PDB file of N, CA and C in Angstrom:
ATOM      1  N   MET A   1      69.579  87.686  69.125  1.00  0.00           N
ATOM      2  CA  MET A   1      68.974  88.354  70.120  1.00  0.00           C
ATOM      3  C   MET A   1      69.160  87.558  71.449  1.00  0.00           C
ATOM      4  N   PRO A   2      69.251  88.199  72.515  1.00  0.00           N
ATOM      5  CA  PRO A   2      69.767  87.721  73.573  1.00  0.00           C
ATOM      6  C   PRO A   2      67.763  86.988  74.117  1.00  0.00           C
ATOM      7  N   TYR A   3      68.312  85.937  75.211  1.00  0.00           N
ATOM      8  CA  TYR A   3      67.347  85.317  76.090  1.00  0.00           C
ATOM      9  C   TYR A   3      67.122  85.974  77.452  1.00  0.00           C
ATOM     10  N   TYR A   4      65.932  86.378  77.854  1.00  0.00           N
ATOM     11  CA  TYR A   4      65.366  87.020  79.409  1.00  0.00           C
ATOM     12  C   TYR A   4      64.564  86.229  79.824  1.00  0.00           C
ATOM     13  N   GLU A   5      64.260  86.223  81.070  1.00  0.00           N
ATOM     14  CA  GLU A   5      63.523  85.756  81.969  1.00  0.00           C
ATOM     15  C   GLU A   5      62.845  87.031  82.775  1.00  0.00           C
ATOM     16  N   TYR A   6      61.487  86.669  82.667  1.00  0.00           N
ATOM     17  CA  TYR A   6      60.415  87.338  83.264  1.00  0.00           C
ATOM     18  C   TYR A   6      59.928  86.828  84.605  1.00  0.00           C
ATOM     19  N   GLU A   7      59.660  87.336  85.583  1.00  0.00           N
ATOM     20  CA  GLU A   7      58.819  86.913  86.768  1.00  0.00           C
ATOM     21  C   GLU A   7      57.995  87.454  87.037  1.00  0.00           C
ATOM     22  N   CYS A   8      56.662  86.915  87.363  1.00  0.00           N
ATOM     23  CA  CYS A   8      55.411  87.611  87.506  1.00  0.00           C
ATOM     24  C   CYS A   8      54.860  87.375  88.893  1.00  0.00           C
ATOM     25  N   ALA A   9      55.013  88.401  89.958  1.00  0.00           N
ATOM     26  CA  ALA A   9      54.605  87.938  91.349  1.00  0.00           C
ATOM     27  C   ALA A   9      53.312  87.667  91.298  1.00  0.00           C
ATOM     28  N   GLU A  10      52.400  88.105  90.422  1.00  0.00           N
ATOM     29  CA  GLU A  10      51.002  87.757  90.800  1.00  0.00           C
ATOM     30  C   GLU A  10      50.733  86.173  90.802  1.00  0.00           C
ATOM     31  N   ASN A  11      51.348  85.412  89.932  1.00  0.00           N
ATOM     32  CA  ASN A  11      51.266  84.089  89.551  1.00  0.00           C
ATOM     33  C   ASN A  11      52.364  83.340  89.916  1.00  0.00           C
ATOM     34  N   GLY A  12      53.869  83.821  90.212  1.00  0.00           N
ATOM     35  CA  GLY A  12      54.816  83.090  90.690  1.00  0.00           C
ATOM     36  C   GLY A  12      55.520  82.458  89.619  1.00  0.00           C
ATOM     37  N   GLU A  13      55.016  82.858  88.305  1.00  0.00           N
ATOM     38  CA  GLU A  13      55.774  82.064  87.170  1.00  0.00           C
ATOM     39  C   GLU A  13      56.854  82.819  86.747  1.00  0.00           C
ATOM     40  N   ILE A  14      57.844  82.033  86.218  1.00  0.00           N
ATOM     41  CA  ILE A  14      59.182  82.444  85.829  1.00  0.00           C
ATOM     42  C   ILE A  14      59.275  81.813  84.276  1.00  0.00           C
ATOM     43  N   VAL A  15      59.075  82.854  83.028  1.00  0.00           N
ATOM     44  CA  VAL A  15      59.083  82.656  81.868  1.00  0.00           C
ATOM     45  C   VAL A  15      60.454  83.265  80.752  1.00  0.00           C
ATOM     46  N   GLU A  16      60.646  82.552  79.966  1.00  0.00           N
ATOM     47  CA  GLU A  16      61.753  82.841  79.172  1.00  0.00           C
ATOM     48  C   GLU A  16      61.634  83.307  78.011  1.00  0.00           C
ATOM     49  N   VAL A  17      61.985  84.406  77.394  1.00  0.00           N
ATOM     50  CA  VAL A  17      61.501  85.085  76.188  1.00  0.00           C
ATOM     51  C   VAL A  17      62.660  85.473  75.443  1.00  0.00           C
ATOM     52  N   ARG A  18      62.869  85.382  74.128  1.00  0.00           N
ATOM     53  CA  ARG A  18      63.790  86.035  73.265  1.00  0.00           C
ATOM     54  C   ARG A  18      63.382  87.491  72.544  1.00  0.00           C
ATOM     55  N   HIS A  19      64.168  88.207  72.867  1.00  0.00           N
ATOM     56  CA  HIS A  19      63.785  89.614  72.213  1.00  0.00           C
ATOM     57  C   HIS A  19      65.031  90.547  72.022  1.00  0.00           C
ATOM     58  N   GLY A  20      65.140  91.758  71.558  1.00  0.00           N
ATOM     59  CA  GLY A  20      66.040  92.730  71.366  1.00  0.00           C
ATOM     60  C   GLY A  20      66.320  93.126  72.597  1.00  0.00           C
ATOM     61  N   MET A  21      67.878  93.796  72.689  1.00  0.00           N
ATOM     62  CA  MET A  21      68.036  94.491  74.016  1.00  0.00           C
ATOM     63  C   MET A  21      67.402  95.721  74.081  1.00  0.00           C
ATOM     64  N   ASP A  22      66.787  96.383  73.099  1.00  0.00           N
ATOM     65  CA  ASP A  22      66.157  97.874  73.377  1.00  0.00           C
ATOM     66  C   ASP A  22      64.461  97.303  73.842  1.00  0.00           C
ATOM     67  N   GLU A  23      64.418  96.199  73.867  1.00  0.00           N
ATOM     68  CA  GLU A  23      62.920  96.091  74.079  1.00  0.00           C
ATOM     69  C   GLU A  23      62.615  95.432  75.485  1.00  0.00           C
ATOM     70  N   GLN A  24      61.591  96.073  76.288  1.00  0.00           N
ATOM     71  CA  GLN A  24      61.071  95.617  77.526  1.00  0.00           C
ATOM     72  C   GLN A  24      59.908  95.313  77.729  1.00  0.00           C
ATOM     73  N   LEU A  25      59.535  94.097  78.197  1.00  0.00           N
ATOM     74  CA  LEU A  25      58.068  93.652  78.276  1.00  0.00           C
ATOM     75  C   LEU A  25      57.537  94.096  79.651  1.00  0.00           C
ATOM     76  N   THR A  26      56.564  94.751  79.945  1.00  0.00           N
ATOM     77  CA  THR A  26      56.081  95.158  81.393  1.00  0.00           C
ATOM     78  C   THR A  26      54.768  94.551  82.218  1.00  0.00           C
ATOM     79  N   THR A  27      54.263  93.963  81.120  1.00  0.00           N
ATOM     80  CA  THR A  27      52.933  92.843  81.863  1.00  0.00           C
ATOM     81  C   THR A  27      52.891  91.493  81.520  1.00  0.00           C
ATOM     82  N   TRP A  28      52.101  91.000  82.146  1.00  0.00           N
ATOM     83  CA  TRP A  28      51.951  89.477  82.054  1.00  0.00           C
ATOM     84  C   TRP A  28      51.114  89.404  80.662  1.00  0.00           C
ATOM     85  N   GLY A  29      50.276  90.101  80.497  1.00  0.00           N
ATOM     86  CA  GLY A  29      49.579  89.810  78.950  1.00  0.00           C
ATOM     87  C   GLY A  29      50.615  89.922  77.777  1.00  0.00           C
ATOM     88  N   GLN A  30      51.615  91.274  77.782  1.00  0.00           N
ATOM     89  CA  GLN A  30      52.861  91.008  76.843  1.00  0.00           C
ATOM     90  C   GLN A  30      53.193  89.971  76.564  1.00  0.00           C
ATOM     91  N   LEU A  31      53.881  89.587  77.994  1.00  0.00           N
ATOM     92  CA  LEU A  31      54.968  88.393  78.171  1.00  0.00           C
ATOM     93  C   LEU A  31      53.935  86.878  77.477  1.00  0.00           C
ATOM     94  N   ALA A  32      52.531  86.892  77.797  1.00  0.00           N
ATOM     95  CA  ALA A  32      51.901  85.623  77.299  1.00  0.00           C
ATOM     96  C   ALA A  32      51.944  85.861  75.815  1.00  0.00           C
ATOM     97  N   ASP A  33      51.541  86.977  75.436  1.00  0.00           N
ATOM     98  CA  ASP A  33      51.451  87.154  73.790  1.00  0.00           C
ATOM     99  C   ASP A  33      52.846  86.927  73.287  1.00  0.00           C
ATOM    100  N   ARG A  34      53.694  87.357  73.592  1.00  0.00           N
ATOM    101  CA  ARG A  34      55.268  87.257  72.961  1.00  0.00           C
ATOM    102  C   ARG A  34      55.552  85.703  72.795  1.00  0.00           C
ATOM    103  N   THR A  35      55.271  84.883  74.133  1.00  0.00           N
ATOM    104  CA  THR A  35      55.509  83.277  74.348  1.00  0.00           C
ATOM    105  C   THR A  35      54.652  82.456  73.868  1.00  0.00           C
ATOM    106  N   ALA A  36      53.434  82.943  73.364  1.00  0.00           N
ATOM    107  CA  ALA A  36      52.075  81.899  73.065  1.00  0.00           C
ATOM    108  C   ALA A  36      51.735  81.211  74.249  1.00  0.00           C
ATOM    109  N   ILE A  37      51.842  81.722  75.267  1.00  0.00           N
ATOM    110  CA  ILE A  37      51.686  80.865  76.756  1.00  0.00           C
ATOM    111  C   ILE A  37      50.193  81.380  77.114  1.00  0.00           C
ATOM    112  N   ASP A  38      49.404  80.087  77.584  1.00  0.00           N
ATOM    113  CA  ASP A  38      48.050  80.823  78.093  1.00  0.00           C
ATOM    114  C   ASP A  38      48.350  81.612  79.428  1.00  0.00           C
ATOM    115  N   PRO A  39      47.794  82.588  79.219  1.00  0.00           N
ATOM    116  CA  PRO A  39      47.519  83.632  80.541  1.00  0.00           C
ATOM    117  C   PRO A  39      47.079  83.028  81.992  1.00  0.00           C
ATOM    118  N   GLY A  40      46.154  82.147  81.785  1.00  0.00           N
ATOM    119  CA  GLY A  40      45.271  81.477  82.895  1.00  0.00           C
ATOM    120  C   GLY A  40      44.542  82.629  83.225  1.00  0.00           C
ATOM    121  N   ASP A  41      44.522  82.350  84.654  1.00  0.00           N
ATOM    122  CA  ASP A  41      43.699  83.546  85.353  1.00  0.00           C
ATOM    123  C   ASP A  41      44.321  84.941  85.560  1.00  0.00           C
ATOM    124  N   THR A  42      45.552  84.972  85.682  1.00  0.00           N
ATOM    125  CA  THR A  42      46.399  86.038  85.716  1.00  0.00           C
ATOM    126  C   THR A  42      46.065  87.495  84.966  1.00  0.00           C
ATOM    127  N   PRO A  43      45.616  88.863  85.393  1.00  0.00           N
ATOM    128  CA  PRO A  43      45.327  89.512  84.704  1.00  0.00           C
ATOM    129  C   PRO A  43      46.351  89.969  83.784  1.00  0.00           C
ATOM    130  N   ALA A  44      45.910  90.425  82.543  1.00  0.00           N
ATOM    131  CA  ALA A  44      46.845  90.869  81.571  1.00  0.00           C
ATOM    132  C   ALA A  44      47.740  91.782  81.904  1.00  0.00           C
ATOM    133  N   ASP A  45      47.075  92.680  82.585  1.00  0.00           N
ATOM    134  CA  ASP A  45      47.879  93.965  83.304  1.00  0.00           C
ATOM    135  C   ASP A  45      48.744  93.771  84.303  1.00  0.00           C
ATOM    136  N   ALA A  46      49.147  92.464  84.807  1.00  0.00           N
ATOM    137  CA  ALA A  46      49.666  92.364  86.092  1.00  0.00           C
ATOM    138  C   ALA A  46      51.278  92.463  85.450  1.00  0.00           C
ATOM    139  N   PRO A  47      52.120  93.250  86.576  1.00  0.00           N
ATOM    140  CA  PRO A  47      53.054  93.805  86.334  1.00  0.00           C
ATOM    141  C   PRO A  47      54.485  92.478  86.395  1.00  0.00           C
ATOM    142  N   ILE A  48      55.093  92.766  85.324  1.00  0.00           N
ATOM    143  CA  ILE A  48      56.191  91.324  85.442  1.00  0.00           C
ATOM    144  C   ILE A  48      57.792  92.075  85.489  1.00  0.00           C
ATOM    145  N   ARG A  49      58.757  91.568  86.022  1.00  0.00           N
ATOM    146  CA  ARG A  49      59.830  92.207  85.934  1.00  0.00           C
ATOM    147  C   ARG A  49      60.735  91.056  85.220  1.00  0.00           C
ATOM    148  N   ARG A  50      62.050  91.737  84.867  1.00  0.00           N
ATOM    149  CA  ARG A  50      63.211  91.059  84.344  1.00  0.00           C
ATOM    150  C   ARG A  50      64.329  90.359  84.964  1.00  0.00           C
ATOM    151  N   ILE A  51      64.500  89.266  85.328  1.00  0.00           N
ATOM    152  CA  ILE A  51      65.354  88.834  86.147  1.00  0.00           C
ATOM    153  C   ILE A  51      66.805  88.194  85.651  1.00  0.00           C
ATOM    154  N   MET A  52      67.725  87.874  86.497  1.00  0.00           N
ATOM    155  CA  MET A  52      68.974  87.632  85.666  1.00  0.00           C
ATOM    156  C   MET A  52      68.728  86.222  85.114  1.00  0.00           C
ATOM    157  N   SER A  53      69.359  86.162  83.776  1.00  0.00           N
ATOM    158  CA  SER A  53      69.425  84.617  83.069  1.00  0.00           C
ATOM    159  C   SER A  53      70.512  84.325  82.540  1.00  0.00           C
ATOM    160  N   ASN A  54      70.572  83.517  82.211  1.00  0.00           N
ATOM    161  CA  ASN A  54      71.967  82.826  81.606  1.00  0.00           C
ATOM    162  C   ASN A  54      72.549  83.732  80.646  1.00  0.00           C
ATOM    163  N   THR A  55      73.936  83.912  80.424  1.00  0.00           N
ATOM    164  CA  THR A  55      74.715  84.610  79.328  1.00  0.00           C
ATOM    165  C   THR A  55      75.060  83.524  78.094  1.00  0.00           C
ATOM    166  N   VAL A  56      75.043  83.999  76.703  1.00  0.00           N
ATOM    167  CA  VAL A  56      75.774  83.103  75.894  1.00  0.00           C
ATOM    168  C   VAL A  56      77.212  84.116  75.794  1.00  0.00           C
ATOM    169  N   SER A  57      78.317  83.348  75.493  1.00  0.00           N
ATOM    170  CA  SER A  57      79.536  83.868  75.419  1.00  0.00           C
ATOM    171  C   SER A  57      80.095  83.114  74.076  1.00  0.00           C
ATOM    172  N   VAL A  58      80.750  84.072  73.214  1.00  0.00           N
ATOM    173  CA  VAL A  58      81.310  83.643  71.969  1.00  0.00           C
ATOM    174  C   VAL A  58      82.957  83.575  72.391  1.00  0.00           C
ATOM    175  N   THR A  59      83.209  82.362  71.706  1.00  0.00           N
ATOM    176  CA  THR A  59      84.556  81.779  72.225  1.00  0.00           C
ATOM    177  C   THR A  59      85.304  81.490  70.859  1.00  0.00           C
ATOM    178  N   GLY A  60      86.550  81.556  71.110  1.00  0.00           N
ATOM    179  CA  GLY A  60      87.039  81.013  69.818  1.00  0.00           C
ATOM    180  C   GLY A  60      86.998  81.753  68.338  1.00  0.00           C
ATOM    181  N   THR A  61      87.688  81.433  67.327  1.00  0.00           N
ATOM    182  CA  THR A  61      87.491  82.275  66.342  1.00  0.00           C
ATOM    183  C   THR A  61      86.456  81.725  65.362  1.00  0.00           C
ATOM    184  N   SER A  62      85.747  80.894  65.544  1.00  0.00           N
ATOM    185  CA  SER A  62      84.687  80.676  64.585  1.00  0.00           C
ATOM    186  C   SER A  62      83.613  81.556  64.825  1.00  0.00           C
ATOM    187  N   GLY A  63      83.382  82.054  65.835  1.00  0.00           N
ATOM    188  CA  GLY A  63      82.653  83.037  65.851  1.00  0.00           C
ATOM    189  C   GLY A  63      80.949  82.587  66.545  1.00  0.00           C
ATOM    190  N   GLN A  64      81.000  81.148  66.603  1.00  0.00           N
ATOM    191  CA  GLN A  64      79.978  80.354  67.069  1.00  0.00           C
ATOM    192  C   GLN A  64      79.719  80.669  68.543  1.00  0.00           C
ATOM    193  N   ALA A  65      78.472  80.704  69.168  1.00  0.00           N
ATOM    194  CA  ALA A  65      78.205  80.718  70.313  1.00  0.00           C
ATOM    195  C   ALA A  65      78.494  79.338  71.137  1.00  0.00           C
ATOM    196  N   ASP A  66      79.241  79.473  72.074  1.00  0.00           N
ATOM    197  CA  ASP A  66      79.264  78.181  72.967  1.00  0.00           C
ATOM    198  C   ASP A  66      78.334  78.010  73.908  1.00  0.00           C
ATOM    199  N   PHE A  67      77.115  77.593  73.676  1.00  0.00           N
ATOM    200  CA  PHE A  67      75.826  77.674  74.249  1.00  0.00           C
ATOM    201  C   PHE A  67      75.356  76.382  74.593  1.00  0.00           C
ATOM    202  N   GLN A  68      75.177  75.770  75.867  1.00  0.00           N
ATOM    203  CA  GLN A  68      74.642  74.570  75.937  1.00  0.00           C
ATOM    204  C   GLN A  68      73.430  73.972  76.431  1.00  0.00           C
ATOM    205  N   GLY A  69      72.608  75.174  76.417  1.00  0.00           N
ATOM    206  CA  GLY A  69      71.274  75.301  76.943  1.00  0.00           C
ATOM    207  C   GLY A  69      71.243  75.463  78.269  1.00  0.00           C
ATOM    208  N   CYS A  70      70.103  75.939  79.057  1.00  0.00           N
ATOM    209  CA  CYS A  70      69.803  76.696  80.417  1.00  0.00           C
ATOM    210  C   CYS A  70      69.935  75.534  81.458  1.00  0.00           C
ATOM    211  N   GLY A  71      69.534  74.281  80.864  1.00  0.00           N
ATOM    212  CA  GLY A  71      69.494  73.272  82.267  1.00  0.00           C
ATOM    213  C   GLY A  71      68.255  72.350  81.679  1.00  0.00           C
ATOM    214  N   THR A  72      68.120  71.660  82.749  1.00  0.00           N
ATOM    215  CA  THR A  72      66.805  70.942  82.764  1.00  0.00           C
ATOM    216  C   THR A  72      65.402  71.650  82.800  1.00  0.00           C
ATOM    217  N   GLY A  73      64.447  71.317  82.234  1.00  0.00           N
ATOM    218  CA  GLY A  73      63.252  71.960  81.811  1.00  0.00           C
ATOM    219  C   GLY A  73      63.006  73.251  81.123  1.00  0.00           C
ATOM    220  N   CYS A  74      64.326  73.496  80.646  1.00  0.00           N
ATOM    221  CA  CYS A  74      64.121  74.834  79.730  1.00  0.00           C
ATOM    222  C   CYS A  74      63.596  74.364  78.396  1.00  0.00           C
ATOM    223  N   GLY A  75      63.100  75.190  77.616  1.00  0.00           N
ATOM    224  CA  GLY A  75      62.832  74.971  76.249  1.00  0.00           C
ATOM    225  C   GLY A  75      64.151  75.356  75.234  1.00  0.00           C
ATOM    226  N   CYS A  76      65.482  75.482  75.654  1.00  0.00           N
ATOM    227  CA  CYS A  76      66.142  75.702  74.768  1.00  0.00           C
ATOM    228  C   CYS A  76      66.641  74.250  74.229  1.00  0.00           C
ATOM    229  N   ALA A  77      67.192  74.401  73.258  1.00  0.00           N
ATOM    230  CA  ALA A  77      67.912  73.171  72.425  1.00  0.00           C
ATOM    231  C   ALA A  77      69.113  72.879  72.885  1.00  0.00           C
ATOM    232  N   THR A  78      69.340  71.829  73.117  1.00  0.00           N
ATOM    233  CA  THR A  78      70.762  71.317  73.710  1.00  0.00           C
ATOM    234  C   THR A  78      71.514  70.539  72.895  1.00  0.00           C
TER     235      THR A  78
END
């Protein structure tokens, strides 16, 4: 499953979540539930939008993803 980043204009937060390609989250409440983050004072129905995020490329013959994490501060294992 790919990782996606969603941005909430209401609170300025950008949150990374992993879900299927056919799934689309649309509200802060959905995102908070999915990632087990504290929604804080942001209304559950506040809209979110998916933004560009890093991609994982598969190289070589092993089929293993060549992924080193998103960088400092992210929750990815490096």
